[in-house]
C-alpha cells in the first residue's frame, strides 16, 4: 500500500505491433525477441494463408488489408496500451527495449516518440544527402552518423515507439501509399512535427534491422519506388512552395548518381517519374 492507503496502478507494458505480408519466414525470430521484452505482441498478417504463430503472440489475419499503412492502422485501432512500438517483421529488439521505453516515457512527459538510430552512413553519403535533400525532401534519418540522444523530425520506420495519443491525434498512417511503398513513415513524422509533437533518438533503445526484403535489393524497383515517393511527397507537403520543383530536380539527380546506400537504377527512377500511379514496392 502507498502512504495514502491506495495501491499503485499496475504497470501496463508497451504493445509491440508488427505488420507482415507473405514473409512468414521472418516472423518466428522477430516475435521471439519481441516477447522477450515482456511486452504484448500482435501481428497483422495480410497473407492469404495465415501464419501459424507461436505461443504468446496475437495474430490478426487480415488478407483484406491491402497496404502497409493500412495494416499499421489496423494495429493502431486494435491496441490500447499507452505506449506502442511499431517494428518491421525483420527487426530484432533488445531484451530491455520495453523497460527502457517505459522509463523514457515516465521521465520525458513532453516527448511523444522515441527510436534507435538504425542506419549509420559515412560522410560522403551524408554530403550527398545534404545536397539532394532540400526543402520538403529533407530527411534527418539520412544524416545519422552514430547512435545519439538528439531530437529529430523523423524516426526510422522499421522501429519506433509512440504514445498512442499522438498516433490517434494524427489519425494514423496515410493509406494512399499503396502496397509496401517507401515513405508512409516519413509522412507520419512530418505531420507529427507540424502539429508540435516532440520526437528524439535514444541510445537506450536498441534494435537491429535484418533487411530481409527481396525487393530492397532490386535496383529497378527501388529506383521506381523512390521516384514515385518523391513526387507524392512534393505534392503532399510542398505544393505551395515554388522551390519544391527545383528541390525535386536536385533529389532526382542525387538518386541517379548511384552513390546512395540503396541506389536505384536510372531506368527505375525514370519509370517512377513517368508512371507515378503504379506506386508499390512489395
Protein backbone atom coordinates (compact mmCIF):
# COMPACT_ATOMS: atom_id res chain seq x y z
CA UNK A 1 0.00 0.00 0.00
CA UNK A 2 1.11 3.56 -0.63
CA UNK A 3 1.35 6.24 2.05
CA UNK A 4 -2.09 7.48 1.01
CA UNK A 5 -3.53 4.00 1.55
CA UNK A 6 -4.03 3.17 -2.13
CA UNK A 7 -2.25 0.51 -4.19
CA UNK A 8 -0.06 1.76 -7.04
CA UNK A 9 -1.53 1.38 -10.51
CA UNK A 10 -0.38 -1.79 -12.26
CA UNK A 11 2.36 -1.42 -14.87
CA UNK A 12 0.92 -1.71 -18.36
CA UNK A 13 3.56 -2.99 -20.77
CA UNK A 14 4.00 -1.40 -24.19
CA UNK A 15 2.35 -3.11 -27.13
CA UNK A 16 4.58 -4.29 -30.00
CA UNK A 17 2.81 -4.11 -33.37
CA UNK A 18 4.12 -5.99 -36.41
CA UNK A 19 2.58 -5.76 -39.91
CA UNK A 20 3.57 -8.53 -42.34
CA UNK A 21 2.66 -9.95 -45.74
CA UNK A 22 3.98 -13.13 -47.38
CA UNK A 23 7.06 -13.15 -45.14
CA UNK A 24 6.32 -15.83 -42.56
CA UNK A 25 9.94 -16.94 -42.59
CA UNK A 26 10.89 -13.68 -40.82
CA UNK A 27 8.35 -13.82 -38.03
CA UNK A 28 9.48 -16.53 -35.63
CA UNK A 29 12.77 -14.87 -34.70
CA UNK A 30 11.25 -11.39 -34.64
CA UNK A 31 8.37 -12.44 -32.38
CA UNK A 32 10.53 -14.48 -30.01
CA UNK A 33 12.76 -11.48 -29.40
CA UNK A 34 9.73 -9.21 -29.09
CA UNK A 35 8.17 -11.48 -26.45
CA UNK A 36 11.47 -11.49 -24.52
CA UNK A 37 10.98 -7.75 -23.86
CA UNK A 38 7.92 -8.50 -21.70
CA UNK A 39 5.60 -6.51 -23.97
CA UNK A 40 2.36 -7.54 -25.64
CA UNK A 41 2.94 -8.65 -29.24
CA UNK A 42 0.39 -8.50 -32.06
CA UNK A 43 0.95 -9.36 -35.72
CA UNK A 44 -1.29 -8.15 -38.55
CA UNK A 45 -0.87 -10.82 -41.22
CA UNK A 46 -2.05 -9.73 -44.66
CA UNK A 47 -1.09 -13.02 -46.33
CA UNK A 48 -3.75 -15.23 -47.89
CA UNK A 49 -2.61 -18.13 -45.70
CA UNK A 50 -2.36 -17.15 -42.05
CA UNK A 51 0.86 -17.62 -40.10
CA UNK A 52 0.52 -20.40 -37.52
CA UNK A 53 2.21 -18.24 -34.91
CA UNK A 54 3.97 -19.06 -31.66
CA UNK A 55 2.60 -19.06 -28.08
CA UNK A 56 2.10 -15.58 -26.66
CA UNK A 57 1.69 -13.80 -30.00
CA UNK A 58 -1.72 -12.47 -31.03
CA UNK A 59 -2.43 -12.74 -34.77
CA UNK A 60 -4.89 -10.60 -36.71
CA UNK A 61 -5.40 -12.34 -40.04
CA UNK A 62 -6.41 -9.59 -42.46
CA UNK A 63 -5.87 -10.57 -46.11
CA UNK A 64 -8.42 -7.89 -46.98
CA UNK A 65 -5.99 -5.15 -45.92
CA UNK A 66 -4.07 -4.04 -49.00
CA UNK A 67 -1.15 -1.94 -47.79
CA UNK A 68 1.45 -1.49 -45.07
CA UNK A 69 -0.04 1.83 -43.85
CA UNK A 70 -3.48 0.20 -43.67
CA UNK A 71 -2.08 -2.73 -41.67
CA UNK A 72 -0.45 -0.31 -39.25
CA UNK A 73 -3.78 1.45 -38.84
CA UNK A 74 -5.50 -1.86 -38.08
CA UNK A 75 -2.91 -2.49 -35.37
CA UNK A 76 -3.29 1.05 -34.02
CA UNK A 77 -7.06 0.66 -33.73
CA UNK A 78 -6.64 -2.71 -32.02
CA UNK A 79 -4.02 -1.69 -29.43
CA UNK A 80 -4.98 0.03 -26.18
CA UNK A 81 -1.63 0.35 -24.38
CA UNK A 82 -0.43 3.94 -23.85
CA UNK A 83 2.93 3.12 -25.49
CA UNK A 84 3.09 1.47 -28.92
CA UNK A 85 6.15 0.00 -30.62
CA UNK A 86 5.92 -0.39 -34.40
CA UNK A 87 8.51 -2.71 -35.92
CA UNK A 88 9.05 -4.39 -39.27
CA UNK A 89 8.76 -8.17 -39.44
CA UNK A 90 12.56 -8.44 -39.83
CA UNK A 91 13.60 -6.30 -36.86
CA UNK A 92 15.32 -7.61 -33.71
CA UNK A 93 14.63 -5.83 -30.41
CA UNK A 94 16.96 -5.83 -27.42
CA UNK A 95 15.54 -7.65 -24.39
CA UNK A 96 15.33 -4.40 -22.36
CA UNK A 97 13.60 -2.37 -25.09
CA UNK A 98 10.18 -2.22 -23.40
CA UNK A 99 11.63 -1.44 -19.97
CA UNK A 100 13.84 1.35 -21.32
CA UNK A 101 10.95 2.80 -23.30
CA UNK A 102 8.70 2.83 -20.24
CA UNK A 103 11.39 4.70 -18.28
CA UNK A 104 11.85 7.23 -21.07
CA UNK A 105 8.11 7.88 -21.26
CA UNK A 106 7.93 8.43 -17.50
CA UNK A 107 10.97 10.71 -17.44
CA UNK A 108 10.02 12.74 -20.54
CA UNK A 109 6.31 13.61 -20.46
CA UNK A 110 6.81 16.27 -23.12
CA UNK A 111 8.19 13.77 -25.62
CA UNK A 112 5.80 11.70 -27.75
CA UNK A 113 8.01 9.37 -29.78
CA UNK A 114 11.39 7.69 -29.47
CA UNK A 115 13.51 5.34 -31.51
CA UNK A 116 17.00 3.96 -32.04
CA UNK A 117 19.40 5.07 -34.76
CA UNK A 118 19.15 2.12 -37.14
CA UNK A 119 21.30 3.25 -40.05
CA UNK A 120 24.70 4.93 -39.89
CA UNK A 121 26.05 6.50 -43.07
CA UNK A 122 29.64 7.50 -43.99
CA UNK A 123 30.48 11.15 -44.55
CA UNK A 124 30.42 11.03 -48.36
CA UNK A 125 26.85 9.71 -48.28
CA UNK A 126 25.86 12.36 -45.74
CA UNK A 127 27.28 15.05 -48.06
CA UNK A 128 25.20 13.66 -50.92
CA UNK A 129 22.09 13.66 -48.72
CA UNK A 130 22.66 17.28 -47.66
CA UNK A 131 22.91 18.32 -51.32
CA UNK A 132 19.97 16.25 -52.53
CA UNK A 133 17.52 16.55 -49.67
CA UNK A 134 16.45 20.16 -49.62
CA UNK A 135 13.19 21.68 -48.51
CA UNK A 136 10.36 19.19 -48.20
CA UNK A 137 12.71 16.32 -49.09
CA UNK A 138 14.99 16.81 -46.07
CA UNK A 139 15.16 13.58 -44.07
CA UNK A 140 17.20 13.76 -40.84
CA UNK A 141 17.42 9.96 -40.70
CA UNK A 142 19.80 10.04 -43.68
CA UNK A 143 22.29 12.21 -41.77
CA UNK A 144 22.82 9.97 -38.74
CA UNK A 145 26.48 9.14 -38.12
CA UNK A 146 26.19 7.31 -34.79
CA UNK A 147 23.69 6.43 -32.02
CA UNK A 148 22.57 9.65 -30.35
CA UNK A 149 20.24 11.37 -27.93
CA UNK A 150 19.26 14.09 -30.41
CA UNK A 151 15.84 15.48 -31.15
CA UNK A 152 14.67 14.66 -34.64
CA UNK A 153 11.85 15.36 -37.07
CA UNK A 154 11.68 11.70 -38.14
CA UNK A 155 12.46 8.28 -36.70
CA UNK A 156 13.30 5.08 -38.56
CA UNK A 157 10.16 3.35 -39.80
CA UNK A 158 11.42 -0.17 -39.11
CA UNK A 159 11.46 0.51 -35.34
CA UNK A 160 9.89 3.40 -33.46
CA UNK A 161 7.80 3.90 -30.34
CA UNK A 162 4.99 6.41 -29.91
CA UNK A 163 2.47 7.44 -27.34
CA UNK A 164 -0.88 6.17 -28.53
CA UNK A 165 -2.39 9.61 -28.04
CA UNK A 166 -0.04 11.04 -30.68
CA UNK A 167 -0.81 8.33 -33.23
CA UNK A 168 -4.56 8.71 -32.71
CA UNK A 169 -4.35 12.50 -32.97
CA UNK A 170 -2.62 12.12 -36.35
CA UNK A 171 -5.31 9.63 -37.48
CA UNK A 172 -2.64 7.02 -38.08
CA UNK A 173 -0.88 6.44 -41.38
CA UNK A 174 -1.85 7.63 -44.85
CA UNK A 175 -3.44 4.71 -46.70
CA UNK A 176 -2.99 6.39 -50.08
CA UNK A 177 0.51 4.87 -50.02
CA UNK A 178 -0.39 1.64 -51.74
CA UNK A 179 1.41 -1.69 -51.48
CA UNK A 180 4.62 -1.79 -49.46
CA UNK A 181 5.81 1.62 -50.56
CA UNK A 182 8.50 3.94 -49.32
CA UNK A 183 7.69 6.92 -47.19
CA UNK A 184 4.46 6.44 -45.23
CA UNK A 185 6.55 6.67 -42.05
CA UNK A 186 8.24 9.93 -43.10
CA UNK A 187 4.83 11.44 -43.89
CA UNK A 188 3.59 10.33 -40.44
CA UNK A 189 6.52 12.05 -38.72
CA UNK A 190 6.27 15.19 -40.84
CA UNK A 191 2.64 15.57 -39.78
CA UNK A 192 3.64 14.94 -36.15
CA UNK A 193 6.31 17.65 -36.30
CA UNK A 194 3.88 20.09 -37.93
CA UNK A 195 1.45 19.56 -35.06
CA UNK A 196 4.14 20.20 -32.45
CA UNK A 197 4.92 16.68 -31.22
CA UNK A 198 8.46 16.18 -29.93
CA UNK A 199 10.48 13.13 -31.06
CA UNK A 200 14.02 12.02 -30.40
CA UNK A 201 16.58 9.26 -30.81
CA UNK A 202 17.75 7.34 -27.75
CA UNK A 203 20.84 5.19 -27.20
CA UNK A 204 18.88 3.27 -24.57
CA UNK A 205 16.64 1.78 -27.24
CA UNK A 206 18.50 -0.87 -29.21
CA UNK A 207 17.32 -2.72 -32.31
CA UNK A 208 18.72 -4.32 -35.44
CA UNK A 209 17.06 -4.31 -38.87
CA UNK A 210 17.90 -7.52 -40.72
CA UNK A 211 16.66 -6.13 -44.06
CA UNK A 212 15.33 -9.41 -45.44
CA UNK A 213 13.12 -7.87 -48.13
CA UNK A 214 13.94 -9.23 -51.58
CA UNK A 215 12.67 -6.05 -53.29
CA UNK A 216 15.14 -3.95 -51.29
CA UNK A 217 18.00 -5.15 -53.48
CA UNK A 218 16.25 -4.76 -56.85
CA UNK A 219 17.75 -1.51 -58.23
CA UNK A 220 14.96 -1.01 -60.78
CA UNK A 221 12.10 -1.49 -58.28
CA UNK A 222 13.94 0.61 -55.73
CA UNK A 223 14.53 3.47 -58.18
CA UNK A 224 10.91 3.47 -59.34
CA UNK A 225 9.60 3.47 -55.77
CA UNK A 226 11.93 6.31 -54.76
CA UNK A 227 10.85 8.49 -57.68
CA UNK A 228 7.14 7.86 -57.07
CA UNK A 229 7.59 8.73 -53.42
CA UNK A 230 9.42 11.98 -54.26
CA UNK A 231 6.56 13.06 -56.50
CA UNK A 232 3.99 12.16 -53.86
CA UNK A 233 5.94 13.98 -51.13
CA UNK A 234 6.26 17.11 -53.27
CA UNK A 235 2.51 17.18 -53.91
CA UNK A 236 1.53 16.47 -50.31
CA UNK A 237 3.98 18.62 -48.36
CA UNK A 238 5.49 21.12 -50.83
CA UNK A 239 2.65 22.14 -53.13
CA UNK A 240 2.62 25.82 -52.08
CA UNK A 241 6.40 26.25 -52.26
CA UNK A 242 7.73 27.01 -55.78
CA UNK A 243 11.25 25.95 -54.70
CA UNK A 244 9.95 22.38 -54.34
CA UNK A 245 10.25 21.91 -58.12
CA UNK A 246 13.95 22.82 -58.00
CA UNK A 247 14.47 20.62 -54.94
CA UNK A 248 12.77 17.74 -56.78
CA UNK A 249 15.26 18.12 -59.64
CA UNK A 250 18.16 18.03 -57.17
CA UNK A 251 16.96 14.91 -55.36
CA UNK A 252 16.36 13.11 -58.68
CA UNK A 253 19.92 13.92 -59.75
CA UNK A 254 21.21 12.65 -56.39
CA UNK A 255 19.20 9.46 -56.83
CA UNK A 256 20.60 8.95 -60.33
CA UNK A 257 24.18 9.41 -59.08
CA UNK A 258 24.31 5.84 -57.81
CA UNK A 259 26.09 6.81 -54.59
CA UNK A 260 23.22 6.22 -52.21
CA UNK A 261 23.12 3.43 -49.65
CA UNK A 262 20.37 1.69 -51.65
CA UNK A 263 20.78 3.26 -55.06
CA UNK A 264 18.08 2.92 -57.68
CA UNK A 265 18.76 2.36 -61.37
CA UNK A 266 18.40 5.17 -63.90
CA UNK A 267 15.65 3.30 -65.76
CA UNK A 268 13.81 2.65 -62.48
CA UNK A 269 13.84 6.34 -61.49
CA UNK A 270 12.64 7.37 -64.96
CA UNK A 271 9.84 4.80 -64.85
CA UNK A 272 8.76 6.05 -61.43
CA UNK A 273 8.59 9.64 -62.67
CA UNK A 274 6.74 8.59 -65.82
CA UNK A 275 4.16 6.36 -64.12
CA UNK A 276 3.60 7.64 -60.55
CA UNK A 277 0.26 5.85 -60.30
CA UNK A 278 1.91 2.41 -60.15
CA UNK A 279 3.12 3.12 -56.62
CA UNK A 280 4.04 -0.15 -54.95
CA UNK A 281 7.15 -1.92 -53.67
CA UNK A 282 6.32 -5.31 -52.16
